[in-house]
PDB file of N, CA and C in Angstrom:
ATOM      1  N   UNK A   1      71.181  67.897 149.328  1.00  0.00           N
ATOM      2  CA  UNK A   1      70.615  68.447 148.124  1.00  0.00           C
ATOM      3  C   UNK A   1      71.739  69.100 147.309  1.00  0.00           C
ATOM      4  N   UNK A   2      71.817  68.754 146.039  1.00  0.00           N
ATOM      5  CA  UNK A   2      72.864  69.289 145.171  1.00  0.00           C
ATOM      6  C   UNK A   2      72.473  70.667 144.658  1.00  0.00           C
ATOM      7  N   UNK A   3      73.462  71.557 144.516  1.00  0.00           N
ATOM      8  CA  UNK A   3      73.133  72.880 143.968  1.00  0.00           C
ATOM      9  C   UNK A   3      72.772  72.745 142.494  1.00  0.00           C
ATOM     10  N   UNK A   4      71.780  73.497 142.089  1.00  0.00           N
ATOM     11  CA  UNK A   4      71.361  73.452 140.682  1.00  0.00           C
ATOM     12  C   UNK A   4      72.040  74.586 139.926  1.00  0.00           C
ATOM     13  N   UNK A   5      72.433  74.266 138.739  1.00  0.00           N
ATOM     14  CA  UNK A   5      73.054  75.271 137.883  1.00  0.00           C
ATOM     15  C   UNK A   5      71.971  76.067 137.171  1.00  0.00           C
ATOM     16  N   UNK A   6      72.209  77.347 136.985  1.00  0.00           N
ATOM     17  CA  UNK A   6      71.196  78.123 136.258  1.00  0.00           C
ATOM     18  C   UNK A   6      71.112  77.663 134.808  1.00  0.00           C
ATOM     19  N   UNK A   7      69.923  77.691 134.284  1.00  0.00           N
ATOM     20  CA  UNK A   7      69.712  77.300 132.895  1.00  0.00           C
ATOM     21  C   UNK A   7      70.262  78.387 131.974  1.00  0.00           C
ATOM     22  N   UNK A   8      70.835  77.982 130.841  1.00  0.00           N
ATOM     23  CA  UNK A   8      71.305  79.005 129.896  1.00  0.00           C
ATOM     24  C   UNK A   8      70.101  79.743 129.311  1.00  0.00           C
ATOM     25  N   UNK A   9      70.282  80.995 128.944  1.00  0.00           N
ATOM     26  CA  UNK A   9      69.146  81.734 128.374  1.00  0.00           C
ATOM     27  C   UNK A   9      68.698  81.091 127.070  1.00  0.00           C
ATOM     28  N   UNK A  10      67.417  81.190 126.813  1.00  0.00           N
ATOM     29  CA  UNK A  10      66.880  80.635 125.573  1.00  0.00           C
ATOM     30  C   UNK A  10      67.424  81.418 124.388  1.00  0.00           C
ATOM     31  N   UNK A  11      67.828  80.697 123.387  1.00  0.00           N
ATOM     32  CA  UNK A  11      68.304  81.342 122.171  1.00  0.00           C
ATOM     33  C   UNK A  11      67.114  81.571 121.243  1.00  0.00           C
ATOM     34  N   UNK A  12      67.059  82.749 120.611  1.00  0.00           N
ATOM     35  CA  UNK A  12      65.945  82.977 119.689  1.00  0.00           C
ATOM     36  C   UNK A  12      66.085  82.078 118.468  1.00  0.00           C
ATOM     37  N   UNK A  13      64.990  81.761 117.831  1.00  0.00           N
ATOM     38  CA  UNK A  13      65.074  80.957 116.609  1.00  0.00           C
ATOM     39  C   UNK A  13      65.961  81.659 115.579  1.00  0.00           C
ATOM     40  N   UNK A  14      66.555  80.881 114.718  1.00  0.00           N
ATOM     41  CA  UNK A  14      67.491  81.411 113.721  1.00  0.00           C
ATOM     42  C   UNK A  14      66.818  82.461 112.844  1.00  0.00           C
ATOM     43  N   UNK A  15      65.579  82.231 112.425  1.00  0.00           N
ATOM     44  CA  UNK A  15      64.900  83.186 111.546  1.00  0.00           C
ATOM     45  C   UNK A  15      64.733  84.537 112.236  1.00  0.00           C
ATOM     46  N   UNK A  16      64.390  84.517 113.526  1.00  0.00           N
ATOM     47  CA  UNK A  16      64.210  85.762 114.267  1.00  0.00           C
ATOM     48  C   UNK A  16      65.542  86.482 114.440  1.00  0.00           C
ATOM     49  N   UNK A  17      66.587  85.728 114.740  1.00  0.00           N
ATOM     50  CA  UNK A  17      67.908  86.335 114.904  1.00  0.00           C
ATOM     51  C   UNK A  17      68.394  86.934 113.588  1.00  0.00           C
ATOM     52  N   UNK A  18      68.146  86.260 112.480  1.00  0.00           N
ATOM     53  CA  UNK A  18      68.546  86.767 111.172  1.00  0.00           C
ATOM     54  C   UNK A  18      67.804  88.047 110.841  1.00  0.00           C
ATOM     55  N   UNK A  19      66.507  88.087 111.133  1.00  0.00           N
ATOM     56  CA  UNK A  19      65.709  89.284 110.865  1.00  0.00           C
ATOM     57  C   UNK A  19      66.190  90.453 111.714  1.00  0.00           C
ATOM     58  N   UNK A  20      66.516  90.188 112.984  1.00  0.00           N
ATOM     59  CA  UNK A  20      67.023  91.252 113.851  1.00  0.00           C
ATOM     60  C   UNK A  20      68.360  91.777 113.339  1.00  0.00           C
ATOM     61  N   UNK A  21      69.200  90.895 112.844  1.00  0.00           N
ATOM     62  CA  UNK A  21      70.494  91.305 112.319  1.00  0.00           C
ATOM     63  C   UNK A  21      70.315  92.197 111.098  1.00  0.00           C
ATOM     64  N   UNK A  22      69.380  91.836 110.217  1.00  0.00           N
ATOM     65  CA  UNK A  22      69.135  92.661 109.031  1.00  0.00           C
ATOM     66  C   UNK A  22      68.649  94.046 109.420  1.00  0.00           C
ATOM     67  N   UNK A  23      67.735  94.119 110.375  1.00  0.00           N
ATOM     68  CA  UNK A  23      67.202  95.407 110.814  1.00  0.00           C
ATOM     69  C   UNK A  23      68.310  96.245 111.437  1.00  0.00           C
ATOM     70  N   UNK A  24      69.139  95.629 112.265  1.00  0.00           N
ATOM     71  CA  UNK A  24      70.235  96.345 112.910  1.00  0.00           C
ATOM     72  C   UNK A  24      71.258  96.812 111.886  1.00  0.00           C
ATOM     73  N   UNK A  25      71.522  95.998 110.884  1.00  0.00           N
ATOM     74  CA  UNK A  25      72.486  96.356 109.854  1.00  0.00           C
ATOM     75  C   UNK A  25      71.989  97.525 109.019  1.00  0.00           C
ATOM     76  N   UNK A  26      70.716  97.591 108.752  1.00  0.00           N
ATOM     77  CA  UNK A  26      70.161  98.668 107.935  1.00  0.00           C
ATOM     78  C   UNK A  26      69.950  99.957 108.724  1.00  0.00           C
ATOM     79  N   UNK A  27      69.854  99.846 110.030  1.00  0.00           N
ATOM     80  CA  UNK A  27      69.540 101.022 110.840  1.00  0.00           C
ATOM     81  C   UNK A  27      70.635 102.076 110.782  1.00  0.00           C
ATOM     82  N   UNK A  28      71.895 101.669 110.814  1.00  0.00           N
ATOM     83  CA  UNK A  28      73.006 102.618 110.824  1.00  0.00           C
ATOM     84  C   UNK A  28      73.045 103.521 109.602  1.00  0.00           C
ATOM     85  N   UNK A  29      73.116 102.946 108.378  1.00  0.00           N
ATOM     86  CA  UNK A  29      73.136 103.806 107.190  1.00  0.00           C
ATOM     87  C   UNK A  29      71.865 104.644 107.043  1.00  0.00           C
ATOM     88  N   UNK A  30      70.738 104.100 107.464  1.00  0.00           N
ATOM     89  CA  UNK A  30      69.493 104.863 107.373  1.00  0.00           C
ATOM     90  C   UNK A  30      69.542 106.088 108.277  1.00  0.00           C
ATOM     91  N   UNK A  31      70.048 105.929 109.488  1.00  0.00           N
ATOM     92  CA  UNK A  31      70.140 107.065 110.403  1.00  0.00           C
ATOM     93  C   UNK A  31      71.161 108.087 109.919  1.00  0.00           C
ATOM     94  N   UNK A  32      72.236 107.627 109.312  1.00  0.00           N
ATOM     95  CA  UNK A  32      73.211 108.561 108.744  1.00  0.00           C
ATOM     96  C   UNK A  32      72.573 109.356 107.614  1.00  0.00           C
ATOM     97  N   UNK A  33      71.787 108.698 106.762  1.00  0.00           N
ATOM     98  CA  UNK A  33      71.118 109.393 105.663  1.00  0.00           C
ATOM     99  C   UNK A  33      70.131 110.426 106.179  1.00  0.00           C
ATOM    100  N   UNK A  34      69.361 110.058 107.186  1.00  0.00           N
ATOM    101  CA  UNK A  34      68.398 110.999 107.759  1.00  0.00           C
ATOM    102  C   UNK A  34      69.125 112.189 108.378  1.00  0.00           C
ATOM    103  N   UNK A  35      70.223 111.927 109.061  1.00  0.00           N
ATOM    104  CA  UNK A  35      71.003 113.014 109.649  1.00  0.00           C
ATOM    105  C   UNK A  35      71.594 113.930 108.594  1.00  0.00           C
ATOM    106  N   UNK A  36      72.061 113.348 107.492  1.00  0.00           N
ATOM    107  CA  UNK A  36      72.629 114.155 106.415  1.00  0.00           C
ATOM    108  C   UNK A  36      71.563 115.025 105.762  1.00  0.00           C
ATOM    109  N   UNK A  37      70.382 114.467 105.537  1.00  0.00           N
ATOM    110  CA  UNK A  37      69.285 115.261 104.968  1.00  0.00           C
ATOM    111  C   UNK A  37      68.906 116.397 105.915  1.00  0.00           C
ATOM    112  N   UNK A  38      68.859 116.101 107.212  1.00  0.00           N
ATOM    113  CA  UNK A  38      68.537 117.148 108.184  1.00  0.00           C
ATOM    114  C   UNK A  38      69.593 118.249 108.167  1.00  0.00           C
ATOM    115  N   UNK A  39      70.859 117.866 108.047  1.00  0.00           N
ATOM    116  CA  UNK A  39      71.931 118.854 107.983  1.00  0.00           C
ATOM    117  C   UNK A  39      71.816 119.723 106.738  1.00  0.00           C
ATOM    118  N   UNK A  40      71.542 119.105 105.590  1.00  0.00           N
ATOM    119  CA  UNK A  40      71.415 119.863 104.344  1.00  0.00           C
ATOM    120  C   UNK A  40      70.206 120.797 104.408  1.00  0.00           C
ATOM    121  N   UNK A  41      69.098 120.327 104.954  1.00  0.00           N
ATOM    122  CA  UNK A  41      67.910 121.181 105.078  1.00  0.00           C
ATOM    123  C   UNK A  41      68.214 122.352 106.010  1.00  0.00           C
ATOM    124  N   UNK A  42      68.896 122.093 107.094  1.00  0.00           N
ATOM    125  CA  UNK A  42      69.242 123.165 108.029  1.00  0.00           C
ATOM    126  C   UNK A  42      70.172 124.185 107.367  1.00  0.00           C
ATOM    127  N   UNK A  43      71.184 123.702 106.649  1.00  0.00           N
ATOM    128  CA  UNK A  43      72.093 124.614 105.948  1.00  0.00           C
ATOM    129  C   UNK A  43      71.356 125.421 104.887  1.00  0.00           C
ATOM    130  N   UNK A  44      70.413 124.798 104.210  1.00  0.00           N
ATOM    131  CA  UNK A  44      69.630 125.504 103.198  1.00  0.00           C
ATOM    132  C   UNK A  44      68.809 126.622 103.834  1.00  0.00           C
ATOM    133  N   UNK A  45      68.254 126.356 105.013  1.00  0.00           N
ATOM    134  CA  UNK A  45      67.514 127.404 105.724  1.00  0.00           C
ATOM    135  C   UNK A  45      68.431 128.564 106.099  1.00  0.00           C
ATOM    136  N   UNK A  46      69.648 128.253 106.523  1.00  0.00           N
ATOM    137  CA  UNK A  46      70.596 129.299 106.898  1.00  0.00           C
ATOM    138  C   UNK A  46      71.008 130.123 105.677  1.00  0.00           C
ATOM    139  N   UNK A  47      71.274 129.441 104.548  1.00  0.00           N
ATOM    140  CA  UNK A  47      71.728 130.148 103.347  1.00  0.00           C
ATOM    141  C   UNK A  47      70.699 131.140 102.842  1.00  0.00           C
ATOM    142  N   UNK A  48      69.432 130.784 102.905  1.00  0.00           N
ATOM    143  CA  UNK A  48      68.424 131.696 102.384  1.00  0.00           C
ATOM    144  C   UNK A  48      67.744 132.491 103.488  1.00  0.00           C
ATOM    145  N   UNK A  49      68.271 132.416 104.699  1.00  0.00           N
ATOM    146  CA  UNK A  49      67.757 133.172 105.848  1.00  0.00           C
ATOM    147  C   UNK A  49      66.258 132.944 106.028  1.00  0.00           C
ATOM    148  N   UNK A  50      65.852 131.692 105.887  1.00  0.00           N
ATOM    149  CA  UNK A  50      64.440 131.354 106.015  1.00  0.00           C
ATOM    150  C   UNK A  50      64.092 130.897 107.416  1.00  0.00           C
ATOM    151  N   UNK A  51      62.798 130.887 107.679  1.00  0.00           N
ATOM    152  CA  UNK A  51      62.300 130.427 108.967  1.00  0.00           C
ATOM    153  C   UNK A  51      61.548 129.118 108.792  1.00  0.00           C
ATOM    154  N   UNK A  52      60.877 128.986 107.661  1.00  0.00           N
ATOM    155  CA  UNK A  52      60.100 127.777 107.376  1.00  0.00           C
ATOM    156  C   UNK A  52      60.832 126.903 106.364  1.00  0.00           C
ATOM    157  N   UNK A  53      60.624 125.611 106.479  1.00  0.00           N
ATOM    158  CA  UNK A  53      61.189 124.669 105.500  1.00  0.00           C
ATOM    159  C   UNK A  53      60.327 124.720 104.251  1.00  0.00           C
ATOM    160  N   UNK A  54      60.979 124.946 103.128  1.00  0.00           N
ATOM    161  CA  UNK A  54      60.285 125.018 101.835  1.00  0.00           C
ATOM    162  C   UNK A  54      60.601 123.752 101.037  1.00  0.00           C
ATOM    163  N   UNK A  55      59.803 123.455 100.016  1.00  0.00           N
ATOM    164  CA  UNK A  55      60.059 122.247  99.217  1.00  0.00           C
ATOM    165  C   UNK A  55      61.461 122.195  98.612  1.00  0.00           C
ATOM    166  N   UNK A  56      61.996 123.345  98.212  1.00  0.00           N
ATOM    167  CA  UNK A  56      63.338 123.326  97.616  1.00  0.00           C
ATOM    168  C   UNK A  56      64.406 122.934  98.639  1.00  0.00           C
ATOM    169  N   UNK A  57      64.157 123.182  99.923  1.00  0.00           N
ATOM    170  CA  UNK A  57      65.107 122.763 100.957  1.00  0.00           C
ATOM    171  C   UNK A  57      65.175 121.241 101.036  1.00  0.00           C
ATOM    172  N   UNK A  58      64.026 120.614 101.035  1.00  0.00           N
ATOM    173  CA  UNK A  58      63.968 119.152 101.124  1.00  0.00           C
ATOM    174  C   UNK A  58      64.500 118.523  99.840  1.00  0.00           C
ATOM    175  N   UNK A  59      64.202 119.140  98.691  1.00  0.00           N
ATOM    176  CA  UNK A  59      64.695 118.612  97.417  1.00  0.00           C
ATOM    177  C   UNK A  59      66.220 118.614  97.389  1.00  0.00           C
ATOM    178  N   UNK A  60      66.835 119.628  97.954  1.00  0.00           N
ATOM    179  CA  UNK A  60      68.292 119.684  97.998  1.00  0.00           C
ATOM    180  C   UNK A  60      68.853 118.529  98.844  1.00  0.00           C
ATOM    181  N   UNK A  61      68.177 118.206  99.924  1.00  0.00           N
ATOM    182  CA  UNK A  61      68.599 117.071 100.749  1.00  0.00           C
ATOM    183  C   UNK A  61      68.505 115.753 100.001  1.00  0.00           C
ATOM    184  N   UNK A  62      67.403 115.550  99.288  1.00  0.00           N
ATOM    185  CA  UNK A  62      67.255 114.320  98.510  1.00  0.00           C
ATOM    186  C   UNK A  62      68.273 114.262  97.375  1.00  0.00           C
ATOM    187  N   UNK A  63      68.554 115.397  96.763  1.00  0.00           N
ATOM    188  CA  UNK A  63      69.566 115.435  95.707  1.00  0.00           C
ATOM    189  C   UNK A  63      70.932 115.048  96.265  1.00  0.00           C
ATOM    190  N   UNK A  64      71.253 115.501  97.453  1.00  0.00           N
ATOM    191  CA  UNK A  64      72.534 115.168  98.082  1.00  0.00           C
ATOM    192  C   UNK A  64      72.638 113.670  98.339  1.00  0.00           C
ATOM    193  N   UNK A  65      71.594 113.078  98.917  1.00  0.00           N
ATOM    194  CA  UNK A  65      71.605 111.631  99.179  1.00  0.00           C
ATOM    195  C   UNK A  65      71.671 110.842  97.871  1.00  0.00           C
ATOM    196  N   UNK A  66      70.945 111.272  96.850  1.00  0.00           N
ATOM    197  CA  UNK A  66      70.989 110.601  95.554  1.00  0.00           C
ATOM    198  C   UNK A  66      72.363 110.665  94.923  1.00  0.00           C
ATOM    199  N   UNK A  67      73.028 111.815  95.050  1.00  0.00           N
ATOM    200  CA  UNK A  67      74.384 111.960  94.513  1.00  0.00           C
ATOM    201  C   UNK A  67      75.356 111.025  95.219  1.00  0.00           C
ATOM    202  N   UNK A  68      75.236 110.921  96.532  1.00  0.00           N
ATOM    203  CA  UNK A  68      76.109 110.010  97.274  1.00  0.00           C
ATOM    204  C   UNK A  68      75.831 108.553  96.913  1.00  0.00           C
ATOM    205  N   UNK A  69      74.569 108.216  96.655  1.00  0.00           N
ATOM    206  CA  UNK A  69      74.230 106.843  96.250  1.00  0.00           C
ATOM    207  C   UNK A  69      74.843 106.527  94.882  1.00  0.00           C
ATOM    208  N   UNK A  70      74.789 107.484  93.961  1.00  0.00           N
ATOM    209  CA  UNK A  70      75.408 107.263  92.651  1.00  0.00           C
ATOM    210  C   UNK A  70      76.922 107.123  92.773  1.00  0.00           C
ATOM    211  N   UNK A  71      77.515 107.921  93.642  1.00  0.00           N
ATOM    212  CA  UNK A  71      78.950 107.816  93.860  1.00  0.00           C
ATOM    213  C   UNK A  71      79.318 106.444  94.433  1.00  0.00           C
ATOM    214  N   UNK A  72      78.525 105.953  95.370  1.00  0.00           N
ATOM    215  CA  UNK A  72      78.819 104.634  95.938  1.00  0.00           C
ATOM    216  C   UNK A  72      78.618 103.528  94.905  1.00  0.00           C
ATOM    217  N   UNK A  73      77.655 103.702  93.995  1.00  0.00           N
ATOM    218  CA  UNK A  73      77.449 102.702  92.949  1.00  0.00           C
ATOM    219  C   UNK A  73      78.675 102.607  92.048  1.00  0.00           C
ATOM    220  N   UNK A  74      79.283 103.743  91.743  1.00  0.00           N
ATOM    221  CA  UNK A  74      80.505 103.742  90.919  1.00  0.00           C
ATOM    222  C   UNK A  74      81.634 103.028  91.665  1.00  0.00           C
ATOM    223  N   UNK A  75      81.756 103.292  92.952  1.00  0.00           N
ATOM    224  CA  UNK A  75      82.809 102.654  93.748  1.00  0.00           C
ATOM    225  C   UNK A  75      82.592 101.142  93.819  1.00  0.00           C
ATOM    226  N   UNK A  76      81.358 100.704  94.039  1.00  0.00           N
ATOM    227  CA  UNK A  76      81.076  99.266  94.094  1.00  0.00           C
ATOM    228  C   UNK A  76      81.280  98.608  92.738  1.00  0.00           C
ATOM    229  N   UNK A  77      80.987  99.307  91.663  1.00  0.00           N
ATOM    230  CA  UNK A  77      81.160  98.751  90.319  1.00  0.00           C
ATOM    231  C   UNK A  77      82.635  98.462  90.040  1.00  0.00           C
ATOM    232  N   UNK A  78      83.518  99.276  90.599  1.00  0.00           N
ATOM    233  CA  UNK A  78      84.946  99.124  90.360  1.00  0.00           C
ATOM    234  C   UNK A  78      85.586  98.021  91.195  1.00  0.00           C
ATOM    235  N   UNK A  79      84.860  97.443  92.136  1.00  0.00           N
ATOM    236  CA  UNK A  79      85.405  96.355  92.948  1.00  0.00           C
ATOM    237  C   UNK A  79      85.616  95.109  92.092  1.00  0.00           C
ATOM    238  N   UNK A  80      86.602  94.275  92.429  1.00  0.00           N
ATOM    239  CA  UNK A  80      86.797  93.030  91.682  1.00  0.00           C
ATOM    240  C   UNK A  80      85.594  92.089  91.861  1.00  0.00           C
ATOM    241  N   UNK A  81      85.429  91.189  90.911  1.00  0.00           N
ATOM    242  CA  UNK A  81      84.269  90.288  90.930  1.00  0.00           C
ATOM    243  C   UNK A  81      84.257  89.388  92.165  1.00  0.00           C
ATOM    244  N   UNK A  82      85.403  89.050  92.699  1.00  0.00           N
ATOM    245  CA  UNK A  82      85.469  88.130  93.840  1.00  0.00           C
ATOM    246  C   UNK A  82      85.502  88.877  95.191  1.00  0.00           C
ATOM    247  N   UNK A  83      85.311  90.159  95.192  1.00  0.00           N
ATOM    248  CA  UNK A  83      85.352  90.921  96.455  1.00  0.00           C
ATOM    249  C   UNK A  83      84.233  90.458  97.371  1.00  0.00           C
ATOM    250  N   UNK A  84      84.575  90.102  98.577  1.00  0.00           N
ATOM    251  CA  UNK A  84      83.599  89.655  99.547  1.00  0.00           C
ATOM    252  C   UNK A  84      83.240  88.180  99.455  1.00  0.00           C
ATOM    253  N   UNK A  85      83.910  87.442  98.596  1.00  0.00           N
ATOM    254  CA  UNK A  85      83.586  86.027  98.409  1.00  0.00           C
ATOM    255  C   UNK A  85      83.789  85.233  99.694  1.00  0.00           C
ATOM    256  N   UNK A  86      84.811  85.568 100.465  1.00  0.00           N
ATOM    257  CA  UNK A  86      85.077  84.809 101.697  1.00  0.00           C
ATOM    258  C   UNK A  86      83.995  85.064 102.741  1.00  0.00           C
ATOM    259  N   UNK A  87      83.307  86.181 102.660  1.00  0.00           N
ATOM    260  CA  UNK A  87      82.232  86.450 103.605  1.00  0.00           C
ATOM    261  C   UNK A  87      80.955  85.679 103.262  1.00  0.00           C
ATOM    262  N   UNK A  88      80.702  85.491 101.994  1.00  0.00           N
ATOM    263  CA  UNK A  88      79.479  84.798 101.597  1.00  0.00           C
ATOM    264  C   UNK A  88      79.672  83.286 101.525  1.00  0.00           C
ATOM    265  N   UNK A  89      80.900  82.820 101.671  1.00  0.00           N
ATOM    266  CA  UNK A  89      81.151  81.376 101.668  1.00  0.00           C
ATOM    267  C   UNK A  89      81.231  80.777 100.296  1.00  0.00           C
ATOM    268  N   UNK A  90      81.454  81.557  99.294  1.00  0.00           N
ATOM    269  CA  UNK A  90      81.544  81.024  97.922  1.00  0.00           C
ATOM    270  C   UNK A  90      82.955  80.656  97.574  1.00  0.00           C
TER     271      UNK A  90
END
């Protein structure tokens, strides 16, 4: 009797793998944003010596994330038109 080789693991369909990649790619920046908002809210509580989170604490966190998004938009706008072309295959 000949020894049998183990079968290779099944590969997920391309659509499923692509969807998983998108979710994984978005998870990192999303978690960084949530962490930054939590840090700003915590610092806001410390600055005003508060015990409870107030609406102005959360608004400051959203303002911080919005400011960083605007800053990144300016940076992306300044990139050359062909930046990243080799990654997209164009």
